[in-house]
Every structure is written in C-alpha cells, then in structure tokens.
Amino acid sequence: MANITQTCTVCSKQFLVIDKEQQFLQEKSLPLPTNCPTCRQTRRLKLRGERALYRAKCSKCDKEIIVSYDPKTVTNQILCKHDYEQYFLENDPIITDPLPDA
C-alpha cells in the first residue's frame, strides 16, 4: 500500500495515513481517519475532563502545598509529603489483627 494524503475535516490541513496505519485499520475493519493527528489528540484530551489544582495548608505543619482536590470539600486531613510519609511510618496501613467473627 502507498501512503495516502488526507485533508482534515476540522482544520483543513493535509496529513498522511502511512502504510502501517492503513494495514492496522484494515485488520481491525476500521475506516481511514478523517481528522489529522493533532485534531484527534485534541479530541481525546477534551474527553478526559479538566483537572483543577488548589492551594492548601498541611494539617500538621501549616506548610503551603498544592493539591488536586478542593480543600473546602475534604473531610480528611491534608498532609504535605513529609508528614504524609511520617504518618505511614508511625501507623501501619496493613491491619495485622484478624477480623472478628460476624
């Protein structure tokens, strides 16, 4: 198969559909792409949803940190990296006692 030149339906730029990509699409019974790689990647990223970052203070040392969840809605304590690691050094996260019989 020879490389095919397509025109993107979104941005009108020309792009190549190379031989290996054509073979892959043919094996999977998929149509040739109508959007350029950049527009396809942009569409995939839009489907992911946005991520917001928030400023917060560590509950133990009051150090300013950045977290990926809204501190106003969190019920657990917010810890900086140092205090978070220290917490797990002092508190074993694996329960060693067997569960009581129900």
PDB file of N, CA and C in Angstrom:
ATOM      1  N   MET A   1       0.838  -1.187   0.000  1.00  0.00           N
ATOM      2  CA  MET A   1       0.000   0.000   0.000  1.00  0.00           C
ATOM      3  C   MET A   1       0.882   1.249   0.000  1.00  0.00           C
ATOM      4  N   ALA A   2       0.414   2.266  -0.644  1.00  0.00           N
ATOM      5  CA  ALA A   2       1.124   3.543  -0.677  1.00  0.00           C
ATOM      6  C   ALA A   2       0.519   4.478   0.370  1.00  0.00           C
ATOM      7  N   ASN A   3       1.325   5.436   0.812  1.00  0.00           N
ATOM      8  CA  ASN A   3       0.817   6.427   1.755  1.00  0.00           C
ATOM      9  C   ASN A   3      -0.312   7.223   1.104  1.00  0.00           C
ATOM     10  N   ILE A   4      -1.327   7.552   1.903  1.00  0.00           N
ATOM     11  CA  ILE A   4      -2.477   8.307   1.398  1.00  0.00           C
ATOM     12  C   ILE A   4      -2.469   9.683   2.053  1.00  0.00           C
ATOM     13  N   THR A   5      -2.696  10.724   1.248  1.00  0.00           N
ATOM     14  CA  THR A   5      -2.794  12.081   1.770  1.00  0.00           C
ATOM     15  C   THR A   5      -4.270  12.397   1.962  1.00  0.00           C
ATOM     16  N   GLN A   6      -4.624  12.773   3.203  1.00  0.00           N
ATOM     17  CA  GLN A   6      -5.998  13.125   3.554  1.00  0.00           C
ATOM     18  C   GLN A   6      -6.030  14.599   3.959  1.00  0.00           C
ATOM     19  N   THR A   7      -7.203  15.202   3.906  1.00  0.00           N
ATOM     20  CA  THR A   7      -7.402  16.570   4.380  1.00  0.00           C
ATOM     21  C   THR A   7      -8.277  16.498   5.629  1.00  0.00           C
ATOM     22  N   CYS A   8      -7.814  17.131   6.691  1.00  0.00           N
ATOM     23  CA  CYS A   8      -8.526  17.119   7.971  1.00  0.00           C
ATOM     24  C   CYS A   8      -9.853  17.858   7.836  1.00  0.00           C
ATOM     25  N   THR A   9     -10.912  17.247   8.356  1.00  0.00           N
ATOM     26  CA  THR A   9     -12.239  17.863   8.280  1.00  0.00           C
ATOM     27  C   THR A   9     -12.409  18.987   9.299  1.00  0.00           C
ATOM     28  N   VAL A  10     -11.500  19.071  10.281  1.00  0.00           N
ATOM     29  CA  VAL A  10     -11.604  20.104  11.308  1.00  0.00           C
ATOM     30  C   VAL A  10     -10.771  21.331  10.952  1.00  0.00           C
ATOM     31  N   CYS A  11      -9.472  21.121  10.686  1.00  0.00           N
ATOM     32  CA  CYS A  11      -8.571  22.259  10.465  1.00  0.00           C
ATOM     33  C   CYS A  11      -8.154  22.435   9.006  1.00  0.00           C
ATOM     34  N   SER A  12      -8.564  21.532   8.132  1.00  0.00           N
ATOM     35  CA  SER A  12      -8.280  21.574   6.691  1.00  0.00           C
ATOM     36  C   SER A  12      -6.804  21.390   6.340  1.00  0.00           C
ATOM     37  N   LYS A  13      -5.994  20.930   7.256  1.00  0.00           N
ATOM     38  CA  LYS A  13      -4.587  20.641   6.964  1.00  0.00           C
ATOM     39  C   LYS A  13      -4.487  19.255   6.341  1.00  0.00           C
ATOM     40  N   GLN A  14      -3.482  19.076   5.514  1.00  0.00           N
ATOM     41  CA  GLN A  14      -3.259  17.763   4.921  1.00  0.00           C
ATOM     42  C   GLN A  14      -2.365  16.929   5.833  1.00  0.00           C
ATOM     43  N   PHE A  15      -2.654  15.625   5.875  1.00  0.00           N
ATOM     44  CA  PHE A  15      -1.844  14.706   6.675  1.00  0.00           C
ATOM     45  C   PHE A  15      -1.737  13.374   5.955  1.00  0.00           C
ATOM     46  N   LEU A  16      -0.730  12.601   6.317  1.00  0.00           N
ATOM     47  CA  LEU A  16      -0.505  11.303   5.695  1.00  0.00           C
ATOM     48  C   LEU A  16      -1.078  10.178   6.539  1.00  0.00           C
ATOM     49  N   VAL A  17      -1.637   9.204   5.867  1.00  0.00           N
ATOM     50  CA  VAL A  17      -2.003   7.943   6.501  1.00  0.00           C
ATOM     51  C   VAL A  17      -0.986   6.946   5.957  1.00  0.00           C
ATOM     52  N   ILE A  18      -0.017   6.586   6.788  1.00  0.00           N
ATOM     53  CA  ILE A  18       1.087   5.757   6.309  1.00  0.00           C
ATOM     54  C   ILE A  18       0.656   4.306   6.122  1.00  0.00           C
ATOM     55  N   ASP A  19       1.483   3.574   5.447  1.00  0.00           N
ATOM     56  CA  ASP A  19       1.208   2.184   5.106  1.00  0.00           C
ATOM     57  C   ASP A  19       0.868   1.330   6.322  1.00  0.00           C
ATOM     58  N   LYS A  20       1.668   1.408   7.379  1.00  0.00           N
ATOM     59  CA  LYS A  20       1.422   0.587   8.572  1.00  0.00           C
ATOM     60  C   LYS A  20       0.094   0.935   9.236  1.00  0.00           C
ATOM     61  N   GLU A  21      -0.244   2.218   9.250  1.00  0.00           N
ATOM     62  CA  GLU A  21      -1.522   2.627   9.829  1.00  0.00           C
ATOM     63  C   GLU A  21      -2.686   2.088   8.993  1.00  0.00           C
ATOM     64  N   GLN A  22      -2.551   2.128   7.691  1.00  0.00           N
ATOM     65  CA  GLN A  22      -3.595   1.587   6.809  1.00  0.00           C
ATOM     66  C   GLN A  22      -3.782   0.092   7.053  1.00  0.00           C
ATOM     67  N   GLN A  23      -2.678  -0.634   7.189  1.00  0.00           N
ATOM     68  CA  GLN A  23      -2.751  -2.075   7.446  1.00  0.00           C
ATOM     69  C   GLN A  23      -3.454  -2.358   8.768  1.00  0.00           C
ATOM     70  N   PHE A  24      -3.090  -1.607   9.805  1.00  0.00           N
ATOM     71  CA  PHE A  24      -3.706  -1.784  11.118  1.00  0.00           C
ATOM     72  C   PHE A  24      -5.212  -1.534  11.047  1.00  0.00           C
ATOM     73  N   LEU A  25      -5.601  -0.429  10.412  1.00  0.00           N
ATOM     74  CA  LEU A  25      -7.018  -0.084  10.304  1.00  0.00           C
ATOM     75  C   LEU A  25      -7.776  -1.135   9.500  1.00  0.00           C
ATOM     76  N   GLN A  26      -7.140  -1.657   8.453  1.00  0.00           N
ATOM     77  CA  GLN A  26      -7.785  -2.675   7.627  1.00  0.00           C
ATOM     78  C   GLN A  26      -7.969  -3.977   8.416  1.00  0.00           C
ATOM     79  N   GLU A  27      -6.966  -4.361   9.216  1.00  0.00           N
ATOM     80  CA  GLU A  27      -7.062  -5.569  10.045  1.00  0.00           C
ATOM     81  C   GLU A  27      -8.213  -5.467  11.052  1.00  0.00           C
ATOM     82  N   LYS A  28      -8.421  -4.274  11.584  1.00  0.00           N
ATOM     83  CA  LYS A  28      -9.465  -4.053  12.594  1.00  0.00           C
ATOM     84  C   LYS A  28     -10.804  -3.654  11.973  1.00  0.00           C
ATOM     85  N   SER A  29     -10.863  -3.618  10.656  1.00  0.00           N
ATOM     86  CA  SER A  29     -12.074  -3.210   9.916  1.00  0.00           C
ATOM     87  C   SER A  29     -12.532  -1.805  10.316  1.00  0.00           C
ATOM     88  N   LEU A  30     -11.571  -0.905  10.404  1.00  0.00           N
ATOM     89  CA  LEU A  30     -11.858   0.489  10.758  1.00  0.00           C
ATOM     90  C   LEU A  30     -11.668   1.378   9.536  1.00  0.00           C
ATOM     91  N   PRO A  31     -12.407   2.487   9.459  1.00  0.00           N
ATOM     92  CA  PRO A  31     -12.249   3.403   8.321  1.00  0.00           C
ATOM     93  C   PRO A  31     -10.975   4.245   8.468  1.00  0.00           C
ATOM     94  N   LEU A  32     -10.570   4.845   7.374  1.00  0.00           N
ATOM     95  CA  LEU A  32      -9.422   5.754   7.423  1.00  0.00           C
ATOM     96  C   LEU A  32      -9.793   6.987   8.245  1.00  0.00           C
ATOM     97  N   PRO A  33      -8.831   7.579   8.937  1.00  0.00           N
ATOM     98  CA  PRO A  33      -9.147   8.762   9.749  1.00  0.00           C
ATOM     99  C   PRO A  33      -9.509   9.960   8.873  1.00  0.00           C
ATOM    100  N   THR A  34     -10.409  10.787   9.368  1.00  0.00           N
ATOM    101  CA  THR A  34     -10.792  12.000   8.650  1.00  0.00           C
ATOM    102  C   THR A  34     -10.201  13.247   9.304  1.00  0.00           C
ATOM    103  N   ASN A  35      -9.635  13.081  10.507  1.00  0.00           N
ATOM    104  CA  ASN A  35      -9.006  14.202  11.211  1.00  0.00           C
ATOM    105  C   ASN A  35      -7.501  13.972  11.305  1.00  0.00           C
ATOM    106  N   CYS A  36      -6.740  15.054  11.301  1.00  0.00           N
ATOM    107  CA  CYS A  36      -5.289  14.954  11.419  1.00  0.00           C
ATOM    108  C   CYS A  36      -4.910  14.483  12.827  1.00  0.00           C
ATOM    109  N   PRO A  37      -3.695  13.986  13.023  1.00  0.00           N
ATOM    110  CA  PRO A  37      -3.280  13.508  14.344  1.00  0.00           C
ATOM    111  C   PRO A  37      -3.435  14.555  15.449  1.00  0.00           C
ATOM    112  N   THR A  38      -3.160  15.810  15.154  1.00  0.00           N
ATOM    113  CA  THR A  38      -3.286  16.865  16.162  1.00  0.00           C
ATOM    114  C   THR A  38      -4.739  17.040  16.599  1.00  0.00           C
ATOM    115  N   CYS A  39      -5.654  17.065  15.649  1.00  0.00           N
ATOM    116  CA  CYS A  39      -7.082  17.224  15.979  1.00  0.00           C
ATOM    117  C   CYS A  39      -7.611  15.986  16.704  1.00  0.00           C
ATOM    118  N   ARG A  40      -7.115  14.801  16.347  1.00  0.00           N
ATOM    119  CA  ARG A  40      -7.527  13.573  17.054  1.00  0.00           C
ATOM    120  C   ARG A  40      -7.064  13.610  18.510  1.00  0.00           C
ATOM    121  N   GLN A  41      -5.816  14.045  18.723  1.00  0.00           N
ATOM    122  CA  GLN A  41      -5.292  14.130  20.089  1.00  0.00           C
ATOM    123  C   GLN A  41      -6.057  15.179  20.895  1.00  0.00           C
ATOM    124  N   THR A  42      -6.366  16.303  20.291  1.00  0.00           N
ATOM    125  CA  THR A  42      -7.139  17.357  20.967  1.00  0.00           C
ATOM    126  C   THR A  42      -8.508  16.831  21.394  1.00  0.00           C
ATOM    127  N   ARG A  43      -9.161  16.064  20.514  1.00  0.00           N
ATOM    128  CA  ARG A  43     -10.470  15.497  20.834  1.00  0.00           C
ATOM    129  C   ARG A  43     -10.366  14.516  22.005  1.00  0.00           C
ATOM    130  N   ARG A  44      -9.330  13.681  22.008  1.00  0.00           N
ATOM    131  CA  ARG A  44      -9.142  12.724  23.113  1.00  0.00           C
ATOM    132  C   ARG A  44      -8.900  13.450  24.436  1.00  0.00           C
ATOM    133  N   LEU A  45      -8.113  14.508  24.397  1.00  0.00           N
ATOM    134  CA  LEU A  45      -7.830  15.257  25.628  1.00  0.00           C
ATOM    135  C   LEU A  45      -9.074  15.954  26.163  1.00  0.00           C
ATOM    136  N   LYS A  46      -9.947  16.396  25.285  1.00  0.00           N
ATOM    137  CA  LYS A  46     -11.192  17.031  25.736  1.00  0.00           C
ATOM    138  C   LYS A  46     -12.094  16.040  26.456  1.00  0.00           C
ATOM    139  N   LEU A  47     -12.021  14.768  26.082  1.00  0.00           N
ATOM    140  CA  LEU A  47     -12.848  13.743  26.714  1.00  0.00           C
ATOM    141  C   LEU A  47     -12.389  13.417  28.131  1.00  0.00           C
ATOM    142  N   ARG A  48     -11.132  13.725  28.451  1.00  0.00           N
ATOM    143  CA  ARG A  48     -10.582  13.415  29.768  1.00  0.00           C
ATOM    144  C   ARG A  48     -11.172  14.265  30.870  1.00  0.00           C
ATOM    145  N   GLY A  49     -11.588  15.445  30.575  1.00  0.00           N
ATOM    146  CA  GLY A  49     -12.066  16.354  31.609  1.00  0.00           C
ATOM    147  C   GLY A  49     -10.910  17.186  32.138  1.00  0.00           C
ATOM    148  N   GLU A  50     -11.241  18.306  32.711  1.00  0.00           N
ATOM    149  CA  GLU A  50     -10.206  19.201  33.213  1.00  0.00           C
ATOM    150  C   GLU A  50      -9.791  18.821  34.617  1.00  0.00           C
ATOM    151  N   ARG A  51      -8.601  19.202  34.952  1.00  0.00           N
ATOM    152  CA  ARG A  51      -8.089  18.966  36.295  1.00  0.00           C
ATOM    153  C   ARG A  51      -7.779  20.331  36.912  1.00  0.00           C
ATOM    154  N   ALA A  52      -8.261  20.541  38.115  1.00  0.00           N
ATOM    155  CA  ALA A  52      -8.009  21.794  38.809  1.00  0.00           C
ATOM    156  C   ALA A  52      -7.034  21.546  39.955  1.00  0.00           C
ATOM    157  N   LEU A  53      -6.205  22.531  40.239  1.00  0.00           N
ATOM    158  CA  LEU A  53      -5.276  22.461  41.365  1.00  0.00           C
ATOM    159  C   LEU A  53      -5.657  23.530  42.372  1.00  0.00           C
ATOM    160  N   TYR A  54      -5.473  23.203  43.664  1.00  0.00           N
ATOM    161  CA  TYR A  54      -5.863  24.112  44.742  1.00  0.00           C
ATOM    162  C   TYR A  54      -4.701  24.305  45.705  1.00  0.00           C
ATOM    163  N   ARG A  55      -4.643  25.481  46.292  1.00  0.00           N
ATOM    164  CA  ARG A  55      -3.672  25.746  47.364  1.00  0.00           C
ATOM    165  C   ARG A  55      -4.300  25.330  48.684  1.00  0.00           C
ATOM    166  N   ALA A  56      -3.478  24.714  49.533  1.00  0.00           N
ATOM    167  CA  ALA A  56      -3.959  24.291  50.848  1.00  0.00           C
ATOM    168  C   ALA A  56      -2.798  24.370  51.822  1.00  0.00           C
ATOM    169  N   LYS A  57      -3.097  24.160  53.106  1.00  0.00           N
ATOM    170  CA  LYS A  57      -2.056  24.125  54.133  1.00  0.00           C
ATOM    171  C   LYS A  57      -2.049  22.750  54.768  1.00  0.00           C
ATOM    172  N   CYS A  58      -0.852  22.260  55.052  1.00  0.00           N
ATOM    173  CA  CYS A  58      -0.701  20.970  55.724  1.00  0.00           C
ATOM    174  C   CYS A  58      -1.351  21.057  57.098  1.00  0.00           C
ATOM    175  N   SER A  59      -2.096  20.025  57.466  1.00  0.00           N
ATOM    176  CA  SER A  59      -2.783  20.000  58.760  1.00  0.00           C
ATOM    177  C   SER A  59      -1.822  19.925  59.942  1.00  0.00           C
ATOM    178  N   LYS A  60      -0.624  19.418  59.727  1.00  0.00           N
ATOM    179  CA  LYS A  60       0.344  19.269  60.825  1.00  0.00           C
ATOM    180  C   LYS A  60       1.297  20.448  60.945  1.00  0.00           C
ATOM    181  N   CYS A  61       1.927  20.851  59.819  1.00  0.00           N
ATOM    182  CA  CYS A  61       2.994  21.858  59.905  1.00  0.00           C
ATOM    183  C   CYS A  61       2.636  23.205  59.289  1.00  0.00           C
ATOM    184  N   ASP A  62       1.435  23.363  58.749  1.00  0.00           N
ATOM    185  CA  ASP A  62       0.961  24.604  58.110  1.00  0.00           C
ATOM    186  C   ASP A  62       1.757  25.020  56.872  1.00  0.00           C
ATOM    187  N   LYS A  63       2.478  24.088  56.272  1.00  0.00           N
ATOM    188  CA  LYS A  63       3.232  24.381  55.056  1.00  0.00           C
ATOM    189  C   LYS A  63       2.249  24.526  53.900  1.00  0.00           C
ATOM    190  N   GLU A  64       2.480  25.517  53.013  1.00  0.00           N
ATOM    191  CA  GLU A  64       1.637  25.705  51.826  1.00  0.00           C
ATOM    192  C   GLU A  64       1.926  24.589  50.843  1.00  0.00           C
ATOM    193  N   ILE A  65       0.870  23.907  50.361  1.00  0.00           N
ATOM    194  CA  ILE A  65       1.016  22.843  49.382  1.00  0.00           C
ATOM    195  C   ILE A  65      -0.041  23.001  48.295  1.00  0.00           C
ATOM    196  N   ILE A  66       0.137  22.290  47.209  1.00  0.00           N
ATOM    197  CA  ILE A  66      -0.836  22.299  46.114  1.00  0.00           C
ATOM    198  C   ILE A  66      -1.417  20.896  46.018  1.00  0.00           C
ATOM    199  N   VAL A  67      -2.739  20.817  45.976  1.00  0.00           N
ATOM    200  CA  VAL A  67      -3.435  19.534  45.934  1.00  0.00           C
ATOM    201  C   VAL A  67      -4.391  19.510  44.749  1.00  0.00           C
ATOM    202  N   SER A  68      -4.825  18.310  44.348  1.00  0.00           N
ATOM    203  CA  SER A  68      -5.691  18.172  43.181  1.00  0.00           C
ATOM    204  C   SER A  68      -7.167  18.048  43.548  1.00  0.00           C
ATOM    205  N   TYR A  69      -7.514  18.321  44.796  1.00  0.00           N
ATOM    206  CA  TYR A  69      -8.908  18.275  45.223  1.00  0.00           C
ATOM    207  C   TYR A  69      -9.203  19.518  46.043  1.00  0.00           C
ATOM    208  N   ASP A  70     -10.454  19.898  46.070  1.00  0.00           N
ATOM    209  CA  ASP A  70     -10.851  21.129  46.745  1.00  0.00           C
ATOM    210  C   ASP A  70     -10.772  20.945  48.259  1.00  0.00           C
ATOM    211  N   PRO A  71      -9.896  21.678  48.949  1.00  0.00           N
ATOM    212  CA  PRO A  71      -9.750  21.519  50.398  1.00  0.00           C
ATOM    213  C   PRO A  71     -11.019  21.878  51.175  1.00  0.00           C
ATOM    214  N   LYS A  72     -11.909  22.659  50.578  1.00  0.00           N
ATOM    215  CA  LYS A  72     -13.149  23.036  51.261  1.00  0.00           C
ATOM    216  C   LYS A  72     -14.116  21.860  51.373  1.00  0.00           C
ATOM    217  N   THR A  73     -13.981  20.879  50.477  1.00  0.00           N
ATOM    218  CA  THR A  73     -14.907  19.754  50.477  1.00  0.00           C
ATOM    219  C   THR A  73     -14.314  18.480  51.083  1.00  0.00           C
ATOM    220  N   VAL A  74     -13.048  18.530  51.503  1.00  0.00           N
ATOM    221  CA  VAL A  74     -12.380  17.341  52.029  1.00  0.00           C
ATOM    222  C   VAL A  74     -12.633  17.208  53.528  1.00  0.00           C
ATOM    223  N   THR A  75     -12.999  16.008  53.945  1.00  0.00           N
ATOM    224  CA  THR A  75     -13.233  15.777  55.373  1.00  0.00           C
ATOM    225  C   THR A  75     -11.990  15.205  56.058  1.00  0.00           C
ATOM    226  N   ASN A  76     -11.090  14.602  55.285  1.00  0.00           N
ATOM    227  CA  ASN A  76      -9.849  14.064  55.856  1.00  0.00           C
ATOM    228  C   ASN A  76      -8.818  15.174  56.008  1.00  0.00           C
ATOM    229  N   GLN A  77      -7.784  14.896  56.779  1.00  0.00           N
ATOM    230  CA  GLN A  77      -6.725  15.885  56.932  1.00  0.00           C
ATOM    231  C   GLN A  77      -5.868  15.936  55.672  1.00  0.00           C
ATOM    232  N   ILE A  78      -5.326  17.106  55.386  1.00  0.00           N
ATOM    233  CA  ILE A  78      -4.451  17.300  54.239  1.00  0.00           C
ATOM    234  C   ILE A  78      -3.028  17.388  54.771  1.00  0.00           C
ATOM    235  N   LEU A  79      -2.146  16.543  54.236  1.00  0.00           N
ATOM    236  CA  LEU A  79      -0.773  16.489  54.717  1.00  0.00           C
ATOM    237  C   LEU A  79       0.209  16.774  53.587  1.00  0.00           C
ATOM    238  N   CYS A  80       1.320  17.436  53.934  1.00  0.00           N
ATOM    239  CA  CYS A  80       2.393  17.615  52.967  1.00  0.00           C
ATOM    240  C   CYS A  80       3.099  16.269  52.785  1.00  0.00           C
ATOM    241  N   LYS A  81       3.991  16.182  51.830  1.00  0.00           N
ATOM    242  CA  LYS A  81       4.658  14.913  51.533  1.00  0.00           C
ATOM    243  C   LYS A  81       5.401  14.370  52.748  1.00  0.00           C
ATOM    244  N   HIS A  82       6.131  15.237  53.443  1.00  0.00           N
ATOM    245  CA  HIS A  82       6.914  14.800  54.604  1.00  0.00           C
ATOM    246  C   HIS A  82       6.003  14.230  55.699  1.00  0.00           C
ATOM    247  N   ASP A  83       4.954  14.950  56.041  1.00  0.00           N
ATOM    248  CA  ASP A  83       4.048  14.488  57.105  1.00  0.00           C
ATOM    249  C   ASP A  83       3.239  13.261  56.673  1.00  0.00           C
ATOM    250  N   TYR A  84       2.927  13.173  55.396  1.00  0.00           N
ATOM    251  CA  TYR A  84       2.217  12.005  54.864  1.00  0.00           C
ATOM    252  C   TYR A  84       3.087  10.754  55.022  1.00  0.00           C
ATOM    253  N   GLU A  85       4.360  10.856  54.630  1.00  0.00           N
ATOM    254  CA  GLU A  85       5.274   9.719  54.772  1.00  0.00           C
ATOM    255  C   GLU A  85       5.494   9.380  56.245  1.00  0.00           C
ATOM    256  N   GLN A  86       5.615  10.403  57.084  1.00  0.00           N
ATOM    257  CA  GLN A  86       5.807  10.187  58.514  1.00  0.00           C
ATOM    258  C   GLN A  86       4.604   9.474  59.130  1.00  0.00           C
ATOM    259  N   TYR A  87       3.411   9.823  58.680  1.00  0.00           N
ATOM    260  CA  TYR A  87       2.197   9.188  59.180  1.00  0.00           C
ATOM    261  C   TYR A  87       2.235   7.680  58.942  1.00  0.00           C
ATOM    262  N   PHE A  88       2.659   7.271  57.748  1.00  0.00           N
ATOM    263  CA  PHE A  88       2.680   5.850  57.426  1.00  0.00           C
ATOM    264  C   PHE A  88       3.859   5.118  58.050  1.00  0.00           C
ATOM    265  N   LEU A  89       4.888   5.846  58.455  1.00  0.00           N
ATOM    266  CA  LEU A  89       5.961   5.215  59.225  1.00  0.00           C
ATOM    267  C   LEU A  89       5.480   4.891  60.639  1.00  0.00           C
ATOM    268  N   GLU A  90       4.651   5.751  61.185  1.00  0.00           N
ATOM    269  CA  GLU A  90       4.154   5.588  62.561  1.00  0.00           C
ATOM    270  C   GLU A  90       2.908   4.697  62.627  1.00  0.00           C
ATOM    271  N   ASN A  91       2.113   4.643  61.558  1.00  0.00           N
ATOM    272  CA  ASN A  91       0.864   3.882  61.538  1.00  0.00           C
ATOM    273  C   ASN A  91       0.924   2.847  60.430  1.00  0.00           C
ATOM    274  N   ASP A  92       0.901   1.581  60.804  1.00  0.00           N
ATOM    275  CA  ASP A  92       0.951   0.505  59.827  1.00  0.00           C
ATOM    276  C   ASP A  92      -0.353   0.475  59.031  1.00  0.00           C
ATOM    277  N   PRO A  93      -0.290   0.647  57.695  1.00  0.00           N
ATOM    278  CA  PRO A  93      -1.520   0.663  56.904  1.00  0.00           C
ATOM    279  C   PRO A  93      -2.152  -0.718  56.731  1.00  0.00           C
ATOM    280  N   ILE A  94      -1.414  -1.767  57.036  1.00  0.00           N
ATOM    281  CA  ILE A  94      -1.938  -3.127  56.905  1.00  0.00           C
ATOM    282  C   ILE A  94      -2.398  -3.605  58.273  1.00  0.00           C
ATOM    283  N   ILE A  95      -3.648  -3.990  58.349  1.00  0.00           N
ATOM    284  CA  ILE A  95      -4.215  -4.475  59.608  1.00  0.00           C
ATOM    285  C   ILE A  95      -3.704  -5.888  59.817  1.00  0.00           C
ATOM    286  N   THR A  96      -3.042  -6.135  60.956  1.00  0.00           N
ATOM    287  CA  THR A  96      -2.478  -7.465  61.213  1.00  0.00           C
ATOM    288  C   THR A  96      -3.409  -8.302  62.056  1.00  0.00           C
ATOM    289  N   ASP A  97      -4.359  -7.691  62.759  1.00  0.00           N
ATOM    290  CA  ASP A  97      -5.306  -8.458  63.572  1.00  0.00           C
ATOM    291  C   ASP A  97      -6.375  -9.066  62.666  1.00  0.00           C
ATOM    292  N   PRO A  98      -6.753 -10.325  62.920  1.00  0.00           N
ATOM    293  CA  PRO A  98      -7.831 -10.896  62.100  1.00  0.00           C
ATOM    294  C   PRO A  98      -9.149 -10.207  62.412  1.00  0.00           C
ATOM    295  N   LEU A  99     -10.022 -10.198  61.423  1.00  0.00           N
ATOM    296  CA  LEU A  99     -11.336  -9.593  61.622  1.00  0.00           C
ATOM    297  C   LEU A  99     -12.157 -10.447  62.591  1.00  0.00           C
ATOM    298  N   PRO A 100     -12.949  -9.824  63.440  1.00  0.00           N
ATOM    299  CA  PRO A 100     -13.799 -10.601  64.356  1.00  0.00           C
ATOM    300  C   PRO A 100     -14.869 -11.353  63.590  1.00  0.00           C
ATOM    301  N   ASP A 101     -15.275 -12.495  64.138  1.00  0.00           N
ATOM    302  CA  ASP A 101     -16.327 -13.287  63.515  1.00  0.00           C
ATOM    303  C   ASP A 101     -17.648 -12.527  63.554  1.00  0.00           C
ATOM    304  N   ALA A 102     -18.376 -12.603  62.471  1.00  0.00           N
ATOM    305  CA  ALA A 102     -19.651 -11.893  62.401  1.00  0.00           C
ATOM    306  C   ALA A 102     -20.766 -12.719  62.972  1.00  0.00           C
TER     307      ALA A 102
END
